[in-house]
Every structure is written in C-alpha cells, then in structure tokens.
Amino acid sequence: HGEEAIHMGSASALSPQDVIFAQYREAGLLMWRGFTLEQFCNQCFSNDHDLGKGRQMPIHYGCRALNYQTVSSPLGTQITQAVG
C-alpha cells in the first residue's frame, strides 16, 4: 500500500545489471537487491563498515556492487539522471 509498495513492484521487474537512480524513500529497492539491515545501520551511523566511509548524509544509501547509485539530496537534480 503506497509509495514504498510501488518501488518493490518496479524492483522485481529489473535485472541485477540494471542501474538504479533512486531517491531517499526508495530503500526497498536496495533491500530487494540484497542490501542488509546491518548495512543500512552502518550507513546511518557512518561507522567503519559504512560503504560511503561516512561521506554521505544519513539515508543517502548507495552500493556499487548492487548497481544502486547514491541518493541525491536535491530531488530536482534526478530529472536529468532519469532521462539519461
């Protein structure tokens, strides 16, 4: 029900090789790809295990191995990413 459920449906139609340019409310896509709750926590706390090494704001997830680009804070900037 709602915005997060739509993302899960979209994620199920993508292949692992497809690159995702998400926004901050689309963490479900990253979970679908295999990002663990521990990895989410590491990013939020910017600890030693954070893939971004503490260089991102909390909930600005990204994972090169899962083809998930780091979230961009200003949402309007994603328009150009979406159109290629």
PDB file of N, CA and C in Angstrom:
ATOM      1  N   HIS A   1       0.829  -1.173   0.000  1.00  0.00           N
ATOM      2  CA  HIS A   1       0.000   0.000   0.000  1.00  0.00           C
ATOM      3  C   HIS A   1       0.878   1.243   0.000  1.00  0.00           C
ATOM      4  N   GLY A   2       0.807   2.022  -1.042  1.00  0.00           N
ATOM      5  CA  GLY A   2       1.500   3.297  -1.040  1.00  0.00           C
ATOM      6  C   GLY A   2       2.774   3.317  -1.845  1.00  0.00           C
ATOM      7  N   GLU A   3       3.507   4.411  -1.652  1.00  0.00           N
ATOM      8  CA  GLU A   3       4.700   4.680  -2.451  1.00  0.00           C
ATOM      9  C   GLU A   3       5.743   3.568  -2.350  1.00  0.00           C
ATOM     10  N   GLU A   4       6.009   3.080  -1.145  1.00  0.00           N
ATOM     11  CA  GLU A   4       7.035   2.061  -0.978  1.00  0.00           C
ATOM     12  C   GLU A   4       6.662   0.753  -1.668  1.00  0.00           C
ATOM     13  N   ALA A   5       5.401   0.410  -1.705  1.00  0.00           N
ATOM     14  CA  ALA A   5       4.969  -0.818  -2.378  1.00  0.00           C
ATOM     15  C   ALA A   5       5.185  -0.732  -3.883  1.00  0.00           C
ATOM     16  N   ILE A   6       5.011   0.417  -4.461  1.00  0.00           N
ATOM     17  CA  ILE A   6       5.234   0.607  -5.891  1.00  0.00           C
ATOM     18  C   ILE A   6       6.690   0.341  -6.237  1.00  0.00           C
ATOM     19  N   HIS A   7       7.608   0.762  -5.394  1.00  0.00           N
ATOM     20  CA  HIS A   7       9.033   0.549  -5.653  1.00  0.00           C
ATOM     21  C   HIS A   7       9.381  -0.922  -5.687  1.00  0.00           C
ATOM     22  N   MET A   8       8.765  -1.701  -4.817  1.00  0.00           N
ATOM     23  CA  MET A   8       9.062  -3.133  -4.788  1.00  0.00           C
ATOM     24  C   MET A   8       8.599  -3.802  -6.081  1.00  0.00           C
ATOM     25  N   GLY A   9       7.469  -3.387  -6.592  1.00  0.00           N
ATOM     26  CA  GLY A   9       6.993  -3.924  -7.863  1.00  0.00           C
ATOM     27  C   GLY A   9       7.930  -3.572  -8.998  1.00  0.00           C
ATOM     28  N   SER A  10       8.415  -2.354  -9.008  1.00  0.00           N
ATOM     29  CA  SER A  10       9.368  -1.929 -10.032  1.00  0.00           C
ATOM     30  C   SER A  10      10.674  -2.706  -9.916  1.00  0.00           C
ATOM     31  N   ALA A  11      11.144  -2.904  -8.699  1.00  0.00           N
ATOM     32  CA  ALA A  11      12.406  -3.620  -8.480  1.00  0.00           C
ATOM     33  C   ALA A  11      12.330  -5.049  -8.998  1.00  0.00           C
ATOM     34  N   SER A  12      11.176  -5.663  -8.842  1.00  0.00           N
ATOM     35  CA  SER A  12      11.038  -7.061  -9.269  1.00  0.00           C
ATOM     36  C   SER A  12      11.114  -7.208 -10.783  1.00  0.00           C
ATOM     37  N   ALA A  13      10.891  -6.141 -11.517  1.00  0.00           N
ATOM     38  CA  ALA A  13      10.944  -6.196 -12.981  1.00  0.00           C
ATOM     39  C   ALA A  13      12.342  -5.903 -13.529  1.00  0.00           C
ATOM     40  N   LEU A  14      13.256  -5.453 -12.683  1.00  0.00           N
ATOM     41  CA  LEU A  14      14.605  -5.104 -13.124  1.00  0.00           C
ATOM     42  C   LEU A  14      15.549  -6.289 -13.017  1.00  0.00           C
ATOM     43  N   SER A  15      16.576  -6.288 -13.842  1.00  0.00           N
ATOM     44  CA  SER A  15      17.628  -7.302 -13.712  1.00  0.00           C
ATOM     45  C   SER A  15      18.722  -6.744 -12.808  1.00  0.00           C
ATOM     46  N   PRO A  16      19.539  -7.595 -12.210  1.00  0.00           N
ATOM     47  CA  PRO A  16      20.616  -7.102 -11.334  1.00  0.00           C
ATOM     48  C   PRO A  16      21.595  -6.174 -12.044  1.00  0.00           C
ATOM     49  N   GLN A  17      21.695  -6.272 -13.360  1.00  0.00           N
ATOM     50  CA  GLN A  17      22.605  -5.416 -14.112  1.00  0.00           C
ATOM     51  C   GLN A  17      22.040  -4.011 -14.338  1.00  0.00           C
ATOM     52  N   ASP A  18      20.732  -3.837 -14.172  1.00  0.00           N
ATOM     53  CA  ASP A  18      20.114  -2.518 -14.340  1.00  0.00           C
ATOM     54  C   ASP A  18      20.574  -1.584 -13.228  1.00  0.00           C
ATOM     55  N   VAL A  19      20.939  -0.376 -13.596  1.00  0.00           N
ATOM     56  CA  VAL A  19      21.387   0.621 -12.623  1.00  0.00           C
ATOM     57  C   VAL A  19      20.168   1.375 -12.101  1.00  0.00           C
ATOM     58  N   ILE A  20      20.135   1.579 -10.799  1.00  0.00           N
ATOM     59  CA  ILE A  20      19.024   2.286 -10.162  1.00  0.00           C
ATOM     60  C   ILE A  20      19.498   3.657  -9.691  1.00  0.00           C
ATOM     61  N   PHE A  21      18.760   4.691 -10.087  1.00  0.00           N
ATOM     62  CA  PHE A  21      18.945   6.049  -9.587  1.00  0.00           C
ATOM     63  C   PHE A  21      17.719   6.350  -8.731  1.00  0.00           C
ATOM     64  N   ALA A  22      17.848   6.114  -7.453  1.00  0.00           N
ATOM     65  CA  ALA A  22      16.699   6.216  -6.556  1.00  0.00           C
ATOM     66  C   ALA A  22      16.682   7.540  -5.805  1.00  0.00           C
ATOM     67  N   GLN A  23      15.627   7.729  -5.038  1.00  0.00           N
ATOM     68  CA  GLN A  23      15.546   8.871  -4.128  1.00  0.00           C
ATOM     69  C   GLN A  23      15.404   8.325  -2.718  1.00  0.00           C
ATOM     70  N   TYR A  24      15.383   9.188  -1.739  1.00  0.00           N
ATOM     71  CA  TYR A  24      15.520   8.757  -0.345  1.00  0.00           C
ATOM     72  C   TYR A  24      14.403   7.865   0.180  1.00  0.00           C
ATOM     73  N   ARG A  25      13.250   7.808  -0.449  1.00  0.00           N
ATOM     74  CA  ARG A  25      12.173   6.946   0.050  1.00  0.00           C
ATOM     75  C   ARG A  25      12.126   5.606  -0.666  1.00  0.00           C
ATOM     76  N   GLU A  26      13.159   5.273  -1.401  1.00  0.00           N
ATOM     77  CA  GLU A  26      13.155   4.043  -2.182  1.00  0.00           C
ATOM     78  C   GLU A  26      14.162   3.014  -1.673  1.00  0.00           C
ATOM     79  N   ALA A  27      14.329   2.945  -0.368  1.00  0.00           N
ATOM     80  CA  ALA A  27      15.256   1.976   0.218  1.00  0.00           C
ATOM     81  C   ALA A  27      14.818   0.538  -0.047  1.00  0.00           C
ATOM     82  N   GLY A  28      13.549   0.321  -0.277  1.00  0.00           N
ATOM     83  CA  GLY A  28      13.057  -1.024  -0.576  1.00  0.00           C
ATOM     84  C   GLY A  28      13.717  -1.623  -1.807  1.00  0.00           C
ATOM     85  N   LEU A  29      14.046  -0.784  -2.792  1.00  0.00           N
ATOM     86  CA  LEU A  29      14.748  -1.264  -3.982  1.00  0.00           C
ATOM     87  C   LEU A  29      16.106  -1.843  -3.608  1.00  0.00           C
ATOM     88  N   LEU A  30      16.780  -1.168  -2.706  1.00  0.00           N
ATOM     89  CA  LEU A  30      18.088  -1.623  -2.266  1.00  0.00           C
ATOM     90  C   LEU A  30      17.962  -2.914  -1.451  1.00  0.00           C
ATOM     91  N   MET A  31      16.935  -3.007  -0.632  1.00  0.00           N
ATOM     92  CA  MET A  31      16.690  -4.244   0.120  1.00  0.00           C
ATOM     93  C   MET A  31      16.398  -5.401  -0.828  1.00  0.00           C
ATOM     94  N   TRP A  32      15.639  -5.130  -1.874  1.00  0.00           N
ATOM     95  CA  TRP A  32      15.302  -6.157  -2.863  1.00  0.00           C
ATOM     96  C   TRP A  32      16.583  -6.718  -3.497  1.00  0.00           C
ATOM     97  N   ARG A  33      17.539  -5.847  -3.693  1.00  0.00           N
ATOM     98  CA  ARG A  33      18.803  -6.248  -4.314  1.00  0.00           C
ATOM     99  C   ARG A  33      19.746  -6.964  -3.345  1.00  0.00           C
ATOM    100  N   GLY A  34      19.445  -6.951  -2.054  1.00  0.00           N
ATOM    101  CA  GLY A  34      20.261  -7.684  -1.091  1.00  0.00           C
ATOM    102  C   GLY A  34      21.008  -6.853  -0.068  1.00  0.00           C
ATOM    103  N   PHE A  35      20.782  -5.538  -0.032  1.00  0.00           N
ATOM    104  CA  PHE A  35      21.394  -4.685   0.986  1.00  0.00           C
ATOM    105  C   PHE A  35      20.811  -5.073   2.330  1.00  0.00           C
ATOM    106  N   THR A  36      21.657  -5.322   3.310  1.00  0.00           N
ATOM    107  CA  THR A  36      21.191  -5.843   4.596  1.00  0.00           C
ATOM    108  C   THR A  36      20.801  -4.727   5.566  1.00  0.00           C
ATOM    109  N   LEU A  37      20.047  -5.087   6.578  1.00  0.00           N
ATOM    110  CA  LEU A  37      19.699  -4.115   7.618  1.00  0.00           C
ATOM    111  C   LEU A  37      20.955  -3.609   8.318  1.00  0.00           C
ATOM    112  N   GLU A  38      21.947  -4.484   8.466  1.00  0.00           N
ATOM    113  CA  GLU A  38      23.208  -4.065   9.069  1.00  0.00           C
ATOM    114  C   GLU A  38      23.889  -2.992   8.206  1.00  0.00           C
ATOM    115  N   GLN A  39      23.847  -3.149   6.895  1.00  0.00           N
ATOM    116  CA  GLN A  39      24.426  -2.148   6.016  1.00  0.00           C
ATOM    117  C   GLN A  39      23.678  -0.820   6.102  1.00  0.00           C
ATOM    118  N   PHE A  40      22.355  -0.872   6.229  1.00  0.00           N
ATOM    119  CA  PHE A  40      21.579   0.354   6.420  1.00  0.00           C
ATOM    120  C   PHE A  40      22.017   1.055   7.711  1.00  0.00           C
ATOM    121  N   CYS A  41      22.160   0.286   8.776  1.00  0.00           N
ATOM    122  CA  CYS A  41      22.576   0.865  10.064  1.00  0.00           C
ATOM    123  C   CYS A  41      23.988   1.434   9.987  1.00  0.00           C
ATOM    124  N   ASN A  42      24.891   0.705   9.334  1.00  0.00           N
ATOM    125  CA  ASN A  42      26.262   1.210   9.182  1.00  0.00           C
ATOM    126  C   ASN A  42      26.273   2.561   8.484  1.00  0.00           C
ATOM    127  N   GLN A  43      25.440   2.713   7.463  1.00  0.00           N
ATOM    128  CA  GLN A  43      25.391   3.988   6.747  1.00  0.00           C
ATOM    129  C   GLN A  43      24.807   5.086   7.622  1.00  0.00           C
ATOM    130  N   CYS A  44      23.749   4.773   8.338  1.00  0.00           N
ATOM    131  CA  CYS A  44      23.114   5.796   9.187  1.00  0.00           C
ATOM    132  C   CYS A  44      24.052   6.296  10.286  1.00  0.00           C
ATOM    133  N   PHE A  45      24.903   5.390  10.805  1.00  0.00           N
ATOM    134  CA  PHE A  45      25.825   5.769  11.870  1.00  0.00           C
ATOM    135  C   PHE A  45      27.209   6.163  11.359  1.00  0.00           C
ATOM    136  N   SER A  46      27.426   6.062  10.041  1.00  0.00           N
ATOM    137  CA  SER A  46      28.724   6.405   9.424  1.00  0.00           C
ATOM    138  C   SER A  46      29.888   5.755  10.154  1.00  0.00           C
ATOM    139  N   ASN A  47      29.740   4.470  10.443  1.00  0.00           N
ATOM    140  CA  ASN A  47      30.804   3.770  11.167  1.00  0.00           C
ATOM    141  C   ASN A  47      31.847   3.195  10.202  1.00  0.00           C
ATOM    142  N   ASP A  48      32.766   2.402  10.705  1.00  0.00           N
ATOM    143  CA  ASP A  48      33.859   1.848   9.896  1.00  0.00           C
ATOM    144  C   ASP A  48      33.383   0.949   8.762  1.00  0.00           C
ATOM    145  N   HIS A  49      32.196   0.387   8.893  1.00  0.00           N
ATOM    146  CA  HIS A  49      31.684  -0.542   7.885  1.00  0.00           C
ATOM    147  C   HIS A  49      30.777   0.131   6.855  1.00  0.00           C
ATOM    148  N   ASP A  50      30.589   1.431   6.969  1.00  0.00           N
ATOM    149  CA  ASP A  50      29.763   2.187   6.025  1.00  0.00           C
ATOM    150  C   ASP A  50      30.433   2.176   4.659  1.00  0.00           C
ATOM    151  N   LEU A  51      29.714   1.756   3.621  1.00  0.00           N
ATOM    152  CA  LEU A  51      30.280   1.716   2.274  1.00  0.00           C
ATOM    153  C   LEU A  51      30.698   3.100   1.781  1.00  0.00           C
ATOM    154  N   GLY A  52      30.024   4.139   2.257  1.00  0.00           N
ATOM    155  CA  GLY A  52      30.358   5.513   1.866  1.00  0.00           C
ATOM    156  C   GLY A  52      31.423   6.148   2.732  1.00  0.00           C
ATOM    157  N   LYS A  53      31.954   5.391   3.686  1.00  0.00           N
ATOM    158  CA  LYS A  53      33.024   5.876   4.573  1.00  0.00           C
ATOM    159  C   LYS A  53      32.649   7.153   5.320  1.00  0.00           C
ATOM    160  N   GLY A  54      31.360   7.314   5.607  1.00  0.00           N
ATOM    161  CA  GLY A  54      30.912   8.469   6.374  1.00  0.00           C
ATOM    162  C   GLY A  54      30.836   9.766   5.590  1.00  0.00           C
ATOM    163  N   ARG A  55      30.909   9.695   4.266  1.00  0.00           N
ATOM    164  CA  ARG A  55      30.907  10.910   3.445  1.00  0.00           C
ATOM    165  C   ARG A  55      29.520  11.320   2.982  1.00  0.00           C
ATOM    166  N   GLN A  56      28.490  10.608   3.379  1.00  0.00           N
ATOM    167  CA  GLN A  56      27.131  10.927   2.959  1.00  0.00           C
ATOM    168  C   GLN A  56      26.266  11.248   4.173  1.00  0.00           C
ATOM    169  N   MET A  57      25.210  11.984   3.924  1.00  0.00           N
ATOM    170  CA  MET A  57      24.231  12.236   4.974  1.00  0.00           C
ATOM    171  C   MET A  57      23.487  10.931   5.271  1.00  0.00           C
ATOM    172  N   PRO A  58      22.919  10.788   6.467  1.00  0.00           N
ATOM    173  CA  PRO A  58      22.128   9.588   6.760  1.00  0.00           C
ATOM    174  C   PRO A  58      21.009   9.404   5.736  1.00  0.00           C
ATOM    175  N   ILE A  59      20.710   8.191   5.450  1.00  0.00           N
ATOM    176  CA  ILE A  59      19.748   7.680   4.470  1.00  0.00           C
ATOM    177  C   ILE A  59      20.075   8.045   3.032  1.00  0.00           C
ATOM    178  N   HIS A  60      21.330   8.365   2.765  1.00  0.00           N
ATOM    179  CA  HIS A  60      21.800   8.586   1.397  1.00  0.00           C
ATOM    180  C   HIS A  60      22.585   7.343   0.979  1.00  0.00           C
ATOM    181  N   TYR A  61      21.851   6.246   0.824  1.00  0.00           N
ATOM    182  CA  TYR A  61      22.452   4.951   0.557  1.00  0.00           C
ATOM    183  C   TYR A  61      22.972   4.848  -0.866  1.00  0.00           C
ATOM    184  N   GLY A  62      23.906   3.953  -1.043  1.00  0.00           N
ATOM    185  CA  GLY A  62      24.413   3.619  -2.360  1.00  0.00           C
ATOM    186  C   GLY A  62      25.216   2.337  -2.253  1.00  0.00           C
ATOM    187  N   CYS A  63      25.274   1.587  -3.351  1.00  0.00           N
ATOM    188  CA  CYS A  63      26.033   0.339  -3.336  1.00  0.00           C
ATOM    189  C   CYS A  63      26.449   0.000  -4.761  1.00  0.00           C
ATOM    190  N   ARG A  64      27.725   0.152  -5.036  1.00  0.00           N
ATOM    191  CA  ARG A  64      28.247  -0.129  -6.378  1.00  0.00           C
ATOM    192  C   ARG A  64      28.000  -1.580  -6.771  1.00  0.00           C
ATOM    193  N   ALA A  65      28.193  -2.503  -5.855  1.00  0.00           N
ATOM    194  CA  ALA A  65      28.034  -3.931  -6.152  1.00  0.00           C
ATOM    195  C   ALA A  65      26.602  -4.277  -6.553  1.00  0.00           C
ATOM    196  N   LEU A  66      25.629  -3.486  -6.072  1.00  0.00           N
ATOM    197  CA  LEU A  66      24.221  -3.746  -6.377  1.00  0.00           C
ATOM    198  C   LEU A  66      23.681  -2.808  -7.452  1.00  0.00           C
ATOM    199  N   ASN A  67      24.559  -2.043  -8.095  1.00  0.00           N
ATOM    200  CA  ASN A  67      24.168  -1.092  -9.155  1.00  0.00           C
ATOM    201  C   ASN A  67      23.110  -0.098  -8.672  1.00  0.00           C
ATOM    202  N   TYR A  68      23.318   0.411  -7.482  1.00  0.00           N
ATOM    203  CA  TYR A  68      22.402   1.365  -6.862  1.00  0.00           C
ATOM    204  C   TYR A  68      23.190   2.643  -6.600  1.00  0.00           C
ATOM    205  N   GLN A  69      22.927   3.676  -7.381  1.00  0.00           N
ATOM    206  CA  GLN A  69      23.646   4.938  -7.249  1.00  0.00           C
ATOM    207  C   GLN A  69      23.255   5.657  -5.962  1.00  0.00           C
ATOM    208  N   THR A  70      24.207   6.365  -5.389  1.00  0.00           N
ATOM    209  CA  THR A  70      23.958   7.089  -4.148  1.00  0.00           C
ATOM    210  C   THR A  70      22.835   8.103  -4.335  1.00  0.00           C
ATOM    211  N   VAL A  71      21.985   8.166  -3.346  1.00  0.00           N
ATOM    212  CA  VAL A  71      20.838   9.065  -3.372  1.00  0.00           C
ATOM    213  C   VAL A  71      21.307  10.517  -3.431  1.00  0.00           C
ATOM    214  N   SER A  72      20.609  11.313  -4.209  1.00  0.00           N
ATOM    215  CA  SER A  72      20.891  12.738  -4.334  1.00  0.00           C
ATOM    216  C   SER A  72      19.912  13.513  -3.448  1.00  0.00           C
ATOM    217  N   SER A  73      20.422  14.442  -2.651  1.00  0.00           N
ATOM    218  CA  SER A  73      19.549  15.213  -1.753  1.00  0.00           C
ATOM    219  C   SER A  73      18.550  16.102  -2.487  1.00  0.00           C
ATOM    220  N   PRO A  74      18.991  16.971  -3.390  1.00  0.00           N
ATOM    221  CA  PRO A  74      18.047  17.809  -4.103  1.00  0.00           C
ATOM    222  C   PRO A  74      17.287  16.967  -5.135  1.00  0.00           C
ATOM    223  N   LEU A  75      16.021  16.734  -4.898  1.00  0.00           N
ATOM    224  CA  LEU A  75      15.253  15.817  -5.739  1.00  0.00           C
ATOM    225  C   LEU A  75      15.133  16.280  -7.192  1.00  0.00           C
ATOM    226  N   GLY A  76      15.125  17.560  -7.440  1.00  0.00           N
ATOM    227  CA  GLY A  76      15.007  18.056  -8.801  1.00  0.00           C
ATOM    228  C   GLY A  76      16.183  17.669  -9.688  1.00  0.00           C
ATOM    229  N   THR A  77      17.331  17.378  -9.088  1.00  0.00           N
ATOM    230  CA  THR A  77      18.502  17.004  -9.882  1.00  0.00           C
ATOM    231  C   THR A  77      18.343  15.628 -10.515  1.00  0.00           C
ATOM    232  N   GLN A  78      17.404  14.842 -10.051  1.00  0.00           N
ATOM    233  CA  GLN A  78      17.256  13.487 -10.575  1.00  0.00           C
ATOM    234  C   GLN A  78      16.516  13.444 -11.903  1.00  0.00           C
ATOM    235  N   ILE A  79      15.964  14.546 -12.310  1.00  0.00           N
ATOM    236  CA  ILE A  79      15.257  14.574 -13.607  1.00  0.00           C
ATOM    237  C   ILE A  79      16.229  14.254 -14.736  1.00  0.00           C
ATOM    238  N   THR A  80      17.392  14.872 -14.724  1.00  0.00           N
ATOM    239  CA  THR A  80      18.360  14.614 -15.787  1.00  0.00           C
ATOM    240  C   THR A  80      18.923  13.194 -15.702  1.00  0.00           C
ATOM    241  N   GLN A  81      19.047  12.646 -14.523  1.00  0.00           N
ATOM    242  CA  GLN A  81      19.511  11.262 -14.377  1.00  0.00           C
ATOM    243  C   GLN A  81      18.485  10.309 -14.994  1.00  0.00           C
ATOM    244  N   ALA A  82      17.247  10.585 -14.791  1.00  0.00           N
ATOM    245  CA  ALA A  82      16.185   9.704 -15.272  1.00  0.00           C
ATOM    246  C   ALA A  82      16.089   9.677 -16.792  1.00  0.00           C
ATOM    247  N   VAL A  83      16.360  10.789 -17.441  1.00  0.00           N
ATOM    248  CA  VAL A  83      16.237  10.834 -18.893  1.00  0.00           C
ATOM    249  C   VAL A  83      17.523  10.462 -19.613  1.00  0.00           C
ATOM    250  N   GLY A  84      18.604  10.268 -18.865  1.00  0.00           N
ATOM    251  CA  GLY A  84      19.855   9.803 -19.459  1.00  0.00           C
ATOM    252  C   GLY A  84      20.670  10.921 -19.975  1.00  0.00           C
TER     253      GLY A  84
END
